[in-house]
Protein backbone atom coordinates (compact mmCIF):
# COMPACT_ATOMS: atom_id res chain seq x y z
CA MET A 1 -53.37 93.34 9.48
CA LYS A 2 -52.19 91.79 6.21
CA GLY A 3 -48.64 91.55 7.51
CA GLY A 4 -49.82 89.60 10.56
CA VAL A 5 -51.81 87.15 8.43
CA SER A 6 -48.89 86.44 6.09
CA LEU A 7 -46.61 85.99 9.09
CA VAL A 8 -49.01 83.42 10.57
CA ARG A 9 -49.23 81.61 7.21
CA LYS A 10 -45.43 81.42 6.97
CA ALA A 11 -45.25 80.08 10.52
CA ILE A 12 -47.84 77.41 9.72
CA LYS A 13 -45.97 76.36 6.56
CA THR A 14 -42.72 76.17 8.51
CA LEU A 15 -44.32 74.01 11.19
CA GLU A 16 -45.88 71.74 8.57
CA ALA A 17 -42.50 71.33 6.81
CA GLU A 18 -40.79 70.49 10.11
CA GLU A 19 -43.48 67.92 10.98
CA LEU A 20 -43.14 66.31 7.54
CA LYS A 21 -39.37 66.14 7.92
CA GLU A 22 -39.73 64.50 11.35
CA LYS A 23 -42.21 61.92 9.97
CA LYS A 24 -39.86 61.04 7.10
CA THR A 25 -36.94 60.70 9.50
CA GLU A 26 -38.94 58.36 11.72
CA GLN A 27 -40.00 56.28 8.71
CA VAL A 28 -36.37 55.84 7.65
CA LYS A 29 -35.35 54.88 11.19
CA LYS A 30 -38.07 52.21 11.26
CA LEU A 31 -36.88 50.56 8.03
CA PRO A 32 -35.14 47.21 8.46
CA LYS A 33 -31.38 47.52 8.10
CA GLY A 34 -31.38 45.71 4.75
CA LYS A 35 -33.78 48.27 3.30
CA LYS A 36 -31.60 51.30 4.05
CA LYS A 37 -29.38 52.53 1.27
CA SER A 38 -25.93 51.05 1.52
CA ARG A 39 -23.20 49.93 -0.77
CA SER A 40 -22.78 46.26 -1.39
CA SER A 41 -19.48 44.62 -0.57
CA LYS A 42 -18.83 44.25 -4.31
CA GLU A 43 -19.23 48.01 -4.77
CA GLU A 44 -16.96 48.67 -1.79
CA ASP A 45 -14.28 46.36 -3.27
CA LEU A 46 -14.60 48.06 -6.66
CA ILE A 47 -14.23 51.51 -5.11
CA LYS A 48 -11.20 50.46 -3.07
CA SER A 49 -9.53 48.89 -6.11
CA LEU A 50 -10.08 51.97 -8.25
CA MET A 51 -8.85 54.29 -5.51
CA LYS A 52 -5.68 52.23 -5.20
CA ILE A 53 -5.08 52.31 -8.95
CA LEU A 54 -5.79 56.03 -9.26
CA SER A 55 -3.61 56.96 -6.30
CA ALA A 56 -0.55 55.26 -7.80
CA GLU A 57 2.34 57.53 -8.64
CA LYS A 58 4.51 57.40 -11.73
CA GLN A 59 7.64 55.41 -10.98
CA GLU A 60 11.09 56.84 -11.50
CA GLY A 61 12.19 56.17 -15.07
CA GLU A 62 8.64 55.35 -16.18
CA THR A 63 7.46 57.42 -19.12
CA VAL A 64 4.17 59.30 -18.98
CA PRO A 65 2.64 57.25 -21.83
CA ASP A 66 3.67 54.01 -20.08
CA PHE A 67 2.18 55.21 -16.79
CA GLU A 68 -1.07 56.28 -18.46
CA ARG A 69 -1.31 52.94 -20.28
CA LYS A 70 -0.73 51.05 -17.01
CA VAL A 71 -3.46 53.03 -15.21
CA LYS A 72 -5.91 52.52 -18.09
CA GLU A 73 -5.19 48.79 -18.31
CA GLU A 74 -5.54 48.23 -14.56
CA SER A 75 -8.73 50.31 -14.43
CA SER A 76 -10.29 48.48 -17.35
CA ARG A 77 -9.36 45.13 -15.77
CA VAL A 78 -11.08 46.12 -12.50
CA LEU A 79 -14.11 47.49 -14.36
CA GLU A 80 -14.13 44.50 -16.70
CA LEU A 81 -13.96 46.70 -19.79
CA GLU A 82 -12.25 46.16 -23.10
CA LEU A 83 -10.11 48.98 -24.51
């Protein structure tokens, strides 16, 4: 009998968790578009700029220290940091 009771309790907890998940999903869907989490255009531009800088390859004849310095300088410029 104990096994049956614990099985029923687990089933109830599972159903309650599923109902809670559905309610949360519906609440998010009802939010105005501006309230949903999204990146701003400034963040998107920053990400794209950094990806471009970090995907650059070392040019032929360019030394490793020169390449590293160039990547650091361009990254700091985009991030508005001082080295």
